[in-house]
């Protein structure tokens, strides 16, 4: 096989390097996190995002974004989606590899990878840097940005990946994103960390 090199415009090279770590105490100001004592594991991040962040965002969704309409879309997603499972593997600069599993219908969040011999096989395995994962949850990046930018690798069913992408965009909208479904352009890290967007 012949490697013909990369075709990346000079102006785009920085875009594909990733943004690196967040400020050391970023989690202390994160409004959706329940534990401010230590940097959370991917499991804790996901749990607090779904419980703290999503539930807090429901009131705003009901009052500002069409009320029952967006709630209906969310309920429809959980009741009509196939039983999909995603394993997210993050690499933390100090703690190494960590895992969280998410399942749709019925919805569940599990700490760690499937146990050896359990015959549990995720539909999708997503591998990425820990801080890229945090940026996805805070809306600084969309769910697909890490893949498009070469910051994440995906193994498995891409159709299943789109189901999860839709779920994250819906929650991002509920938590303060754009008015249109799937538009996360108005959401920034400062929204969820207690600051004000520019």
N, C-alpha and C. Protein backbone atom coordinates (compact mmCIF):
# COMPACT_ATOMS: atom_id res chain seq x y z
N UNK A 1 0.85 -1.18 0.00
CA UNK A 1 0.00 0.00 0.00
C UNK A 1 0.89 1.24 0.00
N UNK A 2 0.54 2.19 -0.83
CA UNK A 2 1.32 3.43 -0.93
C UNK A 2 0.64 4.52 -0.12
N UNK A 3 1.39 5.16 0.76
CA UNK A 3 0.87 6.27 1.53
C UNK A 3 1.19 7.57 0.78
N UNK A 4 0.15 8.23 0.30
CA UNK A 4 0.35 9.46 -0.46
C UNK A 4 0.39 10.71 0.42
N UNK A 5 0.37 10.51 1.73
CA UNK A 5 0.45 11.65 2.64
C UNK A 5 -0.92 12.22 2.98
N UNK A 6 -0.91 13.36 3.60
CA UNK A 6 -2.14 14.02 4.05
C UNK A 6 -2.45 15.21 3.17
N UNK A 7 -3.74 15.46 3.02
CA UNK A 7 -4.17 16.66 2.30
C UNK A 7 -4.99 17.50 3.28
N UNK A 8 -4.28 18.29 4.06
CA UNK A 8 -4.91 19.15 5.06
C UNK A 8 -4.43 20.57 4.82
N UNK A 9 -5.34 21.49 4.55
CA UNK A 9 -4.91 22.89 4.36
C UNK A 9 -4.18 23.41 5.59
N UNK A 10 -3.17 24.22 5.39
CA UNK A 10 -2.37 24.76 6.49
C UNK A 10 -3.24 25.44 7.54
N UNK A 11 -4.28 26.14 7.10
CA UNK A 11 -5.16 26.86 8.03
C UNK A 11 -5.99 25.93 8.91
N UNK A 12 -6.10 24.64 8.52
CA UNK A 12 -6.93 23.70 9.27
C UNK A 12 -6.14 22.80 10.20
N UNK A 13 -4.82 22.83 10.13
CA UNK A 13 -4.01 21.88 10.89
C UNK A 13 -4.25 21.97 12.40
N UNK A 14 -4.38 23.16 12.92
CA UNK A 14 -4.62 23.32 14.35
C UNK A 14 -5.95 22.71 14.77
N UNK A 15 -6.92 22.76 13.87
CA UNK A 15 -8.26 22.24 14.14
C UNK A 15 -8.24 20.75 14.45
N UNK A 16 -7.30 20.01 13.84
CA UNK A 16 -7.27 18.56 13.97
C UNK A 16 -6.37 18.09 15.11
N UNK A 17 -5.77 19.00 15.86
CA UNK A 17 -4.89 18.62 16.96
C UNK A 17 -5.63 18.45 18.27
N UNK A 18 -6.86 18.90 18.36
CA UNK A 18 -7.57 18.84 19.63
C UNK A 18 -7.25 20.07 20.47
N UNK A 19 -7.98 20.24 21.53
CA UNK A 19 -7.84 21.45 22.35
C UNK A 19 -7.05 21.22 23.63
N UNK A 20 -6.68 19.97 23.91
CA UNK A 20 -5.89 19.70 25.11
C UNK A 20 -6.73 19.74 26.38
N UNK A 21 -6.07 19.68 27.54
CA UNK A 21 -6.79 19.64 28.82
C UNK A 21 -7.57 20.93 29.10
N UNK A 22 -8.52 20.79 29.97
CA UNK A 22 -9.26 21.94 30.48
C UNK A 22 -8.50 22.53 31.67
N UNK A 23 -8.90 23.72 32.14
CA UNK A 23 -8.26 24.24 33.36
C UNK A 23 -8.34 23.22 34.49
N UNK A 24 -7.36 23.21 35.35
CA UNK A 24 -7.22 22.15 36.36
C UNK A 24 -8.46 21.94 37.22
N UNK A 25 -9.12 22.99 37.63
CA UNK A 25 -10.29 22.87 38.51
C UNK A 25 -11.60 23.12 37.77
N UNK A 26 -11.69 22.78 36.50
CA UNK A 26 -12.88 23.07 35.70
C UNK A 26 -14.15 22.51 36.30
N UNK A 27 -14.06 21.34 36.92
CA UNK A 27 -15.25 20.64 37.43
C UNK A 27 -15.85 21.33 38.66
N UNK A 28 -15.09 22.17 39.34
CA UNK A 28 -15.62 22.85 40.53
C UNK A 28 -16.69 23.88 40.17
N UNK A 29 -16.64 24.38 38.94
CA UNK A 29 -17.63 25.38 38.51
C UNK A 29 -18.70 24.80 37.59
N UNK A 30 -18.63 23.50 37.32
CA UNK A 30 -19.60 22.89 36.41
C UNK A 30 -20.94 22.73 37.12
N UNK A 31 -21.95 23.43 36.63
CA UNK A 31 -23.25 23.43 37.31
C UNK A 31 -23.94 22.08 37.29
N UNK A 32 -23.69 21.25 36.27
CA UNK A 32 -24.42 19.98 36.18
C UNK A 32 -23.76 18.85 36.98
N UNK A 33 -22.56 19.07 37.53
CA UNK A 33 -21.89 18.03 38.30
C UNK A 33 -22.28 18.10 39.77
N UNK A 34 -22.52 16.93 40.36
CA UNK A 34 -22.93 16.91 41.77
C UNK A 34 -21.74 16.85 42.72
N UNK A 35 -20.63 16.24 42.30
CA UNK A 35 -19.45 16.13 43.16
C UNK A 35 -18.38 17.09 42.68
N UNK A 36 -18.08 18.08 43.51
CA UNK A 36 -17.08 19.09 43.14
C UNK A 36 -15.72 18.83 43.79
N UNK A 37 -15.56 17.66 44.43
CA UNK A 37 -14.34 17.37 45.17
C UNK A 37 -13.20 16.86 44.29
N UNK A 38 -13.55 16.19 43.19
CA UNK A 38 -12.51 15.62 42.33
C UNK A 38 -13.00 15.58 40.90
N UNK A 39 -12.05 15.49 39.99
CA UNK A 39 -12.41 15.41 38.58
C UNK A 39 -13.17 14.10 38.35
N UNK A 40 -14.36 14.17 37.76
CA UNK A 40 -15.21 12.98 37.67
C UNK A 40 -14.73 11.97 36.64
N UNK A 41 -15.09 10.71 36.90
CA UNK A 41 -14.85 9.65 35.92
C UNK A 41 -15.85 9.82 34.77
N UNK A 42 -15.63 9.15 33.63
CA UNK A 42 -16.61 9.23 32.55
C UNK A 42 -18.01 8.78 32.99
N UNK A 43 -18.08 7.77 33.85
CA UNK A 43 -19.38 7.31 34.36
C UNK A 43 -20.08 8.43 35.14
N UNK A 44 -19.33 9.08 36.03
CA UNK A 44 -19.92 10.16 36.83
C UNK A 44 -20.33 11.33 35.94
N UNK A 45 -19.50 11.64 34.96
CA UNK A 45 -19.83 12.71 34.02
C UNK A 45 -21.15 12.42 33.31
N UNK A 46 -21.27 11.20 32.77
CA UNK A 46 -22.47 10.84 32.03
C UNK A 46 -23.69 10.80 32.93
N UNK A 47 -23.52 10.24 34.12
CA UNK A 47 -24.64 10.16 35.06
C UNK A 47 -25.13 11.56 35.43
N UNK A 48 -24.21 12.43 35.78
CA UNK A 48 -24.61 13.79 36.16
C UNK A 48 -25.15 14.57 34.97
N UNK A 49 -24.61 14.33 33.78
CA UNK A 49 -25.14 14.99 32.58
C UNK A 49 -26.59 14.60 32.35
N UNK A 50 -26.88 13.31 32.47
CA UNK A 50 -28.24 12.83 32.21
C UNK A 50 -29.19 13.20 33.34
N UNK A 51 -28.75 13.08 34.56
CA UNK A 51 -29.65 13.34 35.69
C UNK A 51 -29.66 14.83 36.05
N UNK A 52 -28.49 15.39 36.37
CA UNK A 52 -28.43 16.78 36.77
C UNK A 52 -28.69 17.73 35.62
N UNK A 53 -27.93 17.57 34.54
CA UNK A 53 -28.05 18.49 33.42
C UNK A 53 -29.36 18.40 32.71
N UNK A 54 -29.77 17.17 32.35
CA UNK A 54 -30.99 17.01 31.56
C UNK A 54 -32.22 17.40 32.37
N UNK A 55 -32.31 16.95 33.61
CA UNK A 55 -33.49 17.25 34.41
C UNK A 55 -33.61 18.75 34.67
N UNK A 56 -32.47 19.40 34.92
CA UNK A 56 -32.51 20.85 35.12
C UNK A 56 -32.93 21.56 33.85
N UNK A 57 -32.58 20.98 32.70
CA UNK A 57 -32.93 21.60 31.43
C UNK A 57 -34.37 21.40 31.03
N UNK A 58 -35.07 20.47 31.67
CA UNK A 58 -36.46 20.19 31.28
C UNK A 58 -37.39 21.37 31.52
N UNK A 59 -37.19 22.06 32.63
CA UNK A 59 -38.06 23.20 32.92
C UNK A 59 -37.95 24.25 31.83
N UNK A 60 -36.72 24.54 31.42
CA UNK A 60 -36.53 25.50 30.34
C UNK A 60 -37.12 25.00 29.04
N UNK A 61 -36.99 23.69 28.79
CA UNK A 61 -37.54 23.13 27.56
C UNK A 61 -39.05 23.25 27.54
N UNK A 62 -39.66 23.01 28.68
CA UNK A 62 -41.13 23.06 28.76
C UNK A 62 -41.65 24.48 28.60
N UNK A 63 -40.91 25.45 29.12
CA UNK A 63 -41.42 26.82 29.09
C UNK A 63 -41.00 27.61 27.87
N UNK A 64 -39.82 27.31 27.29
CA UNK A 64 -39.30 28.14 26.22
C UNK A 64 -39.25 27.49 24.85
N UNK A 65 -39.31 26.19 24.78
CA UNK A 65 -39.01 25.52 23.51
C UNK A 65 -40.15 24.65 23.00
N UNK A 66 -41.36 25.04 23.20
CA UNK A 66 -42.45 24.28 22.62
C UNK A 66 -43.05 23.27 23.58
N UNK A 67 -42.64 23.27 24.83
CA UNK A 67 -43.26 22.46 25.86
C UNK A 67 -43.40 21.00 25.51
N UNK A 68 -44.65 20.56 25.35
CA UNK A 68 -44.94 19.15 25.15
C UNK A 68 -44.30 18.61 23.88
N UNK A 69 -44.09 19.46 22.89
CA UNK A 69 -43.49 19.01 21.64
C UNK A 69 -42.11 18.40 21.83
N UNK A 70 -41.25 19.12 22.53
CA UNK A 70 -39.89 18.60 22.74
C UNK A 70 -39.90 17.42 23.70
N UNK A 71 -40.81 17.44 24.67
CA UNK A 71 -40.91 16.31 25.58
C UNK A 71 -41.39 15.08 24.82
N UNK A 72 -42.31 15.29 23.87
CA UNK A 72 -42.78 14.17 23.06
C UNK A 72 -41.67 13.58 22.22
N UNK A 73 -40.80 14.43 21.67
CA UNK A 73 -39.68 13.94 20.88
C UNK A 73 -38.73 13.12 21.76
N UNK A 74 -38.51 13.60 22.98
CA UNK A 74 -37.62 12.89 23.87
C UNK A 74 -38.21 11.53 24.25
N UNK A 75 -39.49 11.51 24.61
CA UNK A 75 -40.13 10.25 24.99
C UNK A 75 -40.17 9.29 23.81
N UNK A 76 -40.43 9.84 22.61
CA UNK A 76 -40.45 9.01 21.42
C UNK A 76 -39.10 8.37 21.17
N UNK A 77 -38.04 9.12 21.46
CA UNK A 77 -36.70 8.60 21.24
C UNK A 77 -36.45 7.40 22.15
N UNK A 78 -36.91 7.48 23.39
CA UNK A 78 -36.66 6.40 24.34
C UNK A 78 -37.60 5.21 24.13
N UNK A 79 -38.79 5.44 23.61
CA UNK A 79 -39.73 4.33 23.46
C UNK A 79 -39.64 3.65 22.10
N UNK A 80 -39.18 4.37 21.06
CA UNK A 80 -39.13 3.79 19.72
C UNK A 80 -37.74 3.39 19.29
N UNK A 81 -36.72 3.81 20.01
CA UNK A 81 -35.35 3.49 19.60
C UNK A 81 -35.07 2.01 19.82
N UNK A 82 -34.26 1.42 18.96
CA UNK A 82 -33.88 0.02 19.17
C UNK A 82 -32.99 -0.11 20.40
N UNK A 83 -32.85 -1.32 20.93
CA UNK A 83 -32.03 -1.52 22.14
C UNK A 83 -30.55 -1.45 21.80
N UNK A 84 -30.02 -0.24 21.73
CA UNK A 84 -28.64 -0.01 21.33
C UNK A 84 -27.74 0.18 22.55
N UNK A 85 -26.47 -0.14 22.36
CA UNK A 85 -25.49 0.01 23.43
C UNK A 85 -24.22 0.63 22.88
N UNK A 86 -23.69 1.61 23.58
CA UNK A 86 -22.43 2.25 23.19
C UNK A 86 -21.45 2.15 24.35
N UNK A 87 -20.23 1.78 24.03
CA UNK A 87 -19.15 1.77 25.01
C UNK A 87 -18.23 2.94 24.67
N UNK A 88 -18.06 3.85 25.62
CA UNK A 88 -17.16 4.99 25.43
C UNK A 88 -15.90 4.74 26.25
N UNK A 89 -14.77 4.75 25.57
CA UNK A 89 -13.47 4.56 26.22
C UNK A 89 -12.71 5.87 26.14
N UNK A 90 -12.41 6.45 27.29
CA UNK A 90 -11.66 7.70 27.31
C UNK A 90 -10.25 7.44 27.81
N UNK A 91 -9.35 8.33 27.41
CA UNK A 91 -7.97 8.24 27.90
C UNK A 91 -7.67 9.52 28.66
N UNK A 92 -7.50 9.37 29.96
CA UNK A 92 -7.19 10.49 30.84
C UNK A 92 -5.67 10.58 31.00
N UNK A 93 -5.10 11.80 30.99
CA UNK A 93 -3.63 11.91 31.07
C UNK A 93 -3.03 11.32 32.34
N UNK A 94 -3.78 11.26 33.45
CA UNK A 94 -3.24 10.72 34.70
C UNK A 94 -3.84 9.36 35.05
N UNK A 95 -5.14 9.18 34.81
CA UNK A 95 -5.82 7.95 35.24
C UNK A 95 -5.80 6.86 34.17
N UNK A 96 -5.40 7.18 32.97
CA UNK A 96 -5.36 6.17 31.92
C UNK A 96 -6.73 5.92 31.28
N UNK A 97 -6.97 4.68 30.84
CA UNK A 97 -8.21 4.34 30.15
C UNK A 97 -9.35 4.12 31.14
N UNK A 98 -10.50 4.73 30.82
CA UNK A 98 -11.70 4.58 31.63
C UNK A 98 -12.88 4.35 30.69
N UNK A 99 -13.93 3.71 31.20
CA UNK A 99 -15.05 3.32 30.35
C UNK A 99 -16.39 3.69 30.98
N UNK A 100 -17.35 3.98 30.10
CA UNK A 100 -18.75 4.11 30.50
C UNK A 100 -19.58 3.50 29.38
N UNK A 101 -20.64 2.77 29.75
CA UNK A 101 -21.55 2.18 28.76
C UNK A 101 -22.91 2.84 28.88
N UNK A 102 -23.52 3.10 27.74
CA UNK A 102 -24.85 3.71 27.71
C UNK A 102 -25.74 2.80 26.87
N UNK A 103 -26.94 2.57 27.35
CA UNK A 103 -27.91 1.76 26.62
C UNK A 103 -29.18 2.55 26.41
N UNK A 104 -29.75 2.44 25.23
CA UNK A 104 -31.06 3.02 24.95
C UNK A 104 -32.12 1.92 24.99
N UNK A 105 -33.27 2.26 25.46
CA UNK A 105 -34.48 1.40 25.52
C UNK A 105 -34.22 -0.01 26.02
N UNK A 106 -34.28 -0.26 27.31
CA UNK A 106 -34.47 0.75 28.34
C UNK A 106 -33.15 1.49 28.60
N UNK A 107 -33.27 2.76 28.98
CA UNK A 107 -32.08 3.59 29.16
C UNK A 107 -31.34 3.16 30.42
N UNK A 108 -30.02 3.06 30.31
CA UNK A 108 -29.19 2.71 31.46
C UNK A 108 -27.77 3.23 31.23
N UNK A 109 -27.07 3.51 32.33
CA UNK A 109 -25.67 3.92 32.29
C UNK A 109 -24.90 2.96 33.20
N UNK A 110 -23.81 2.40 32.68
CA UNK A 110 -23.00 1.44 33.44
C UNK A 110 -21.57 1.93 33.53
N UNK A 111 -20.95 1.68 34.68
CA UNK A 111 -19.55 2.03 34.88
C UNK A 111 -18.68 0.89 34.37
N UNK A 112 -17.72 1.19 33.54
CA UNK A 112 -16.77 0.20 33.07
C UNK A 112 -17.22 -0.55 31.83
N UNK A 113 -16.29 -1.33 31.27
CA UNK A 113 -16.61 -2.12 30.08
C UNK A 113 -17.42 -3.36 30.47
N UNK A 114 -18.00 -4.06 29.49
CA UNK A 114 -18.69 -5.32 29.82
C UNK A 114 -17.71 -6.31 30.46
N UNK A 115 -18.21 -7.10 31.40
CA UNK A 115 -17.34 -8.09 32.06
C UNK A 115 -16.95 -9.18 31.07
N UNK A 116 -15.75 -9.67 31.23
CA UNK A 116 -15.27 -10.76 30.38
C UNK A 116 -16.18 -11.97 30.57
N UNK A 117 -16.63 -12.55 29.47
CA UNK A 117 -17.50 -13.72 29.53
C UNK A 117 -18.97 -13.40 29.67
N UNK A 118 -19.32 -12.11 29.67
CA UNK A 118 -20.73 -11.73 29.85
C UNK A 118 -21.54 -11.83 28.56
N UNK A 119 -20.87 -12.00 27.43
CA UNK A 119 -21.52 -12.04 26.11
C UNK A 119 -22.23 -10.72 25.77
N UNK A 120 -21.88 -9.64 26.47
CA UNK A 120 -22.43 -8.32 26.13
C UNK A 120 -21.53 -7.70 25.07
N UNK A 121 -22.10 -7.38 23.94
CA UNK A 121 -21.33 -6.81 22.85
C UNK A 121 -21.91 -5.46 22.47
N UNK A 122 -21.18 -4.36 22.71
CA UNK A 122 -21.71 -3.03 22.36
C UNK A 122 -21.93 -2.91 20.85
N UNK A 123 -22.93 -2.14 20.46
CA UNK A 123 -23.15 -1.85 19.05
C UNK A 123 -22.07 -0.90 18.53
N UNK A 124 -21.57 -0.05 19.42
CA UNK A 124 -20.59 0.97 19.05
C UNK A 124 -19.52 1.04 20.14
N UNK A 125 -18.28 1.18 19.73
CA UNK A 125 -17.20 1.49 20.67
C UNK A 125 -16.59 2.80 20.19
N UNK A 126 -16.60 3.80 21.06
CA UNK A 126 -16.06 5.12 20.74
C UNK A 126 -14.86 5.37 21.65
N UNK A 127 -13.69 5.64 21.05
CA UNK A 127 -12.47 5.90 21.81
C UNK A 127 -12.02 7.33 21.58
N UNK A 128 -11.80 8.05 22.67
CA UNK A 128 -11.41 9.45 22.55
C UNK A 128 -10.73 9.94 23.82
N UNK A 129 -10.15 11.11 23.76
CA UNK A 129 -9.51 11.75 24.90
C UNK A 129 -10.58 12.16 25.93
N UNK A 130 -10.24 12.06 27.20
CA UNK A 130 -11.18 12.41 28.27
C UNK A 130 -11.73 13.83 28.11
N UNK A 131 -10.84 14.78 27.83
CA UNK A 131 -11.28 16.17 27.76
C UNK A 131 -12.11 16.45 26.50
N UNK A 132 -11.91 15.67 25.46
CA UNK A 132 -12.79 15.77 24.29
C UNK A 132 -14.19 15.30 24.68
N UNK A 133 -14.27 14.23 25.49
CA UNK A 133 -15.56 13.73 25.97
C UNK A 133 -16.27 14.79 26.81
N UNK A 134 -15.52 15.45 27.70
CA UNK A 134 -16.11 16.52 28.52
C UNK A 134 -16.67 17.61 27.61
N UNK A 135 -15.91 17.99 26.60
CA UNK A 135 -16.35 19.05 25.69
C UNK A 135 -17.60 18.65 24.91
N UNK A 136 -17.76 17.37 24.63
CA UNK A 136 -18.99 16.90 23.98
C UNK A 136 -20.18 17.10 24.91
N UNK A 137 -20.02 16.75 26.17
CA UNK A 137 -21.13 16.86 27.12
C UNK A 137 -21.48 18.31 27.43
N UNK A 138 -20.49 19.18 27.41
CA UNK A 138 -20.77 20.58 27.73
C UNK A 138 -21.24 21.37 26.51
N UNK A 139 -21.22 20.72 25.34
CA UNK A 139 -21.70 21.39 24.14
C UNK A 139 -20.66 22.20 23.40
N UNK A 140 -19.43 22.19 23.89
CA UNK A 140 -18.37 22.89 23.16
C UNK A 140 -18.10 22.20 21.82
N UNK A 141 -18.36 20.89 21.78
CA UNK A 141 -18.27 20.12 20.54
C UNK A 141 -19.58 19.37 20.36
N UNK A 142 -19.99 19.15 19.13
CA UNK A 142 -21.15 18.29 18.91
C UNK A 142 -20.70 16.84 19.05
N UNK A 143 -21.66 15.93 19.07
CA UNK A 143 -21.35 14.52 19.25
C UNK A 143 -20.52 13.98 18.09
N UNK A 144 -20.65 14.57 16.91
CA UNK A 144 -19.94 14.07 15.73
C UNK A 144 -18.61 14.78 15.47
N UNK A 145 -18.37 15.93 16.08
CA UNK A 145 -17.14 16.68 15.83
C UNK A 145 -15.87 15.87 16.04
N UNK A 146 -15.75 15.11 17.15
CA UNK A 146 -14.50 14.36 17.34
C UNK A 146 -14.22 13.38 16.21
N UNK A 147 -15.27 12.77 15.66
CA UNK A 147 -15.05 11.85 14.54
C UNK A 147 -14.61 12.60 13.29
N UNK A 148 -15.29 13.70 13.00
CA UNK A 148 -14.96 14.48 11.80
C UNK A 148 -13.57 15.09 11.89
N UNK A 149 -13.13 15.41 13.09
CA UNK A 149 -11.83 16.05 13.28
C UNK A 149 -10.69 15.06 13.51
N UNK A 150 -11.01 13.77 13.49
CA UNK A 150 -9.98 12.77 13.73
C UNK A 150 -9.56 12.65 15.18
N UNK A 151 -10.41 13.11 16.10
CA UNK A 151 -10.09 13.07 17.53
C UNK A 151 -10.71 11.86 18.23
N UNK A 152 -11.49 11.06 17.50
CA UNK A 152 -12.12 9.87 18.06
C UNK A 152 -12.14 8.78 17.02
N UNK A 153 -12.10 7.54 17.48
CA UNK A 153 -12.27 6.41 16.58
C UNK A 153 -13.55 5.68 16.95
N UNK A 154 -14.22 5.16 15.93
CA UNK A 154 -15.49 4.47 16.12
C UNK A 154 -15.40 3.09 15.51
N UNK A 155 -15.79 2.08 16.28
CA UNK A 155 -15.95 0.73 15.76
C UNK A 155 -17.41 0.35 15.95
N UNK A 156 -18.00 -0.24 14.91
CA UNK A 156 -19.37 -0.73 15.07
C UNK A 156 -20.35 -0.15 14.08
N UNK A 157 -21.59 -0.14 14.46
CA UNK A 157 -22.72 0.18 13.61
C UNK A 157 -22.92 1.70 13.53
N UNK A 158 -22.65 2.29 12.37
CA UNK A 158 -22.77 3.75 12.24
C UNK A 158 -24.24 4.20 12.30
N UNK A 159 -25.16 3.34 11.87
CA UNK A 159 -26.58 3.68 12.01
C UNK A 159 -26.96 3.83 13.48
N UNK A 160 -26.42 2.93 14.31
CA UNK A 160 -26.66 3.03 15.75
C UNK A 160 -26.03 4.30 16.31
N UNK A 161 -24.88 4.68 15.75
CA UNK A 161 -24.21 5.90 16.21
C UNK A 161 -25.09 7.12 15.97
N UNK A 162 -25.83 7.14 14.87
CA UNK A 162 -26.71 8.26 14.58
C UNK A 162 -27.84 8.37 15.59
N UNK A 163 -28.31 7.23 16.11
CA UNK A 163 -29.34 7.25 17.15
C UNK A 163 -28.82 7.97 18.39
N UNK A 164 -27.60 7.64 18.79
CA UNK A 164 -27.01 8.30 19.96
C UNK A 164 -26.74 9.77 19.69
N UNK A 165 -26.30 10.07 18.48
CA UNK A 165 -26.03 11.47 18.12
C UNK A 165 -27.30 12.29 18.26
N UNK A 166 -28.43 11.73 17.81
CA UNK A 166 -29.71 12.44 17.94
C UNK A 166 -30.10 12.66 19.39
N UNK A 167 -29.83 11.68 20.24
CA UNK A 167 -30.15 11.80 21.66
C UNK A 167 -29.34 12.92 22.31
N UNK A 168 -28.03 12.95 22.02
CA UNK A 168 -27.19 13.98 22.62
C UNK A 168 -27.56 15.37 22.12
N UNK A 169 -27.91 15.49 20.85
CA UNK A 169 -28.30 16.80 20.32
C UNK A 169 -29.61 17.26 20.93
N UNK A 170 -30.53 16.32 21.16
CA UNK A 170 -31.80 16.68 21.81
C UNK A 170 -31.55 17.22 23.20
N UNK A 171 -30.70 16.52 23.98
CA UNK A 171 -30.42 16.98 25.33
C UNK A 171 -29.64 18.30 25.31
N UNK A 172 -28.76 18.45 24.31
CA UNK A 172 -28.04 19.71 24.18
C UNK A 172 -29.00 20.86 23.93
N UNK A 173 -30.02 20.62 23.12
CA UNK A 173 -31.03 21.65 22.86
C UNK A 173 -31.79 21.99 24.14
N UNK A 174 -32.14 20.96 24.90
CA UNK A 174 -32.87 21.19 26.16
C UNK A 174 -32.03 21.97 27.16
N UNK A 175 -30.70 21.78 27.09
CA UNK A 175 -29.82 22.42 28.07
C UNK A 175 -29.37 23.81 27.65
N UNK A 176 -29.95 24.33 26.57
CA UNK A 176 -29.62 25.71 26.24
C UNK A 176 -29.03 25.90 24.88
N UNK A 177 -29.12 24.90 24.01
CA UNK A 177 -28.59 25.04 22.67
C UNK A 177 -29.52 25.86 21.80
N UNK A 178 -29.34 25.72 20.48
CA UNK A 178 -30.13 26.49 19.52
C UNK A 178 -31.60 26.14 19.57
N UNK A 179 -32.44 26.97 18.95
CA UNK A 179 -33.87 26.74 18.94
C UNK A 179 -34.25 25.56 18.06
N UNK A 180 -33.47 25.28 17.03
CA UNK A 180 -33.81 24.18 16.14
C UNK A 180 -33.23 22.89 16.70
N UNK A 181 -33.97 21.79 16.52
CA UNK A 181 -33.48 20.50 16.97
C UNK A 181 -32.17 20.19 16.26
N UNK A 182 -31.20 19.74 17.02
CA UNK A 182 -29.92 19.37 16.44
C UNK A 182 -28.95 20.51 16.28
N UNK A 183 -29.34 21.72 16.59
CA UNK A 183 -28.43 22.86 16.45
C UNK A 183 -27.79 23.14 17.79
N UNK A 184 -26.51 22.85 17.93
CA UNK A 184 -25.81 23.09 19.18
C UNK A 184 -24.93 24.32 19.11
N UNK A 185 -25.10 25.11 18.06
CA UNK A 185 -24.19 26.23 17.86
C UNK A 185 -24.29 27.28 18.95
N UNK A 186 -25.44 27.37 19.62
CA UNK A 186 -25.59 28.39 20.66
C UNK A 186 -25.14 27.93 22.03
N UNK A 187 -24.66 26.71 22.12
CA UNK A 187 -24.30 26.17 23.42
C UNK A 187 -22.79 26.23 23.60
N UNK A 188 -22.36 26.73 24.73
CA UNK A 188 -20.94 26.80 24.98
C UNK A 188 -20.66 26.26 26.37
N UNK A 189 -19.40 25.99 26.63
CA UNK A 189 -19.02 25.46 27.94
C UNK A 189 -19.45 26.41 29.04
N UNK A 190 -19.35 27.70 28.79
CA UNK A 190 -19.68 28.67 29.84
C UNK A 190 -21.15 28.59 30.23
N UNK A 191 -22.03 28.17 29.30
CA UNK A 191 -23.44 28.02 29.67
C UNK A 191 -23.62 27.03 30.80
N UNK A 192 -22.94 25.89 30.69
CA UNK A 192 -23.12 24.84 31.69
C UNK A 192 -22.22 25.02 32.90
N UNK A 193 -21.15 25.79 32.76
CA UNK A 193 -20.25 25.96 33.89
C UNK A 193 -20.59 27.19 34.72
N UNK A 194 -21.77 27.77 34.45
CA UNK A 194 -22.23 28.86 35.29
C UNK A 194 -21.94 30.25 34.76
N UNK A 195 -21.27 30.36 33.62
CA UNK A 195 -20.96 31.66 33.06
C UNK A 195 -22.02 32.10 32.08
N UNK A 196 -21.74 33.15 31.36
CA UNK A 196 -22.66 33.65 30.33
C UNK A 196 -21.98 33.54 28.98
N UNK A 197 -22.78 33.19 27.99
CA UNK A 197 -22.20 33.10 26.65
C UNK A 197 -21.97 34.49 26.09
N UNK A 198 -21.05 34.58 25.14
CA UNK A 198 -20.70 35.87 24.56
C UNK A 198 -21.80 36.35 23.64
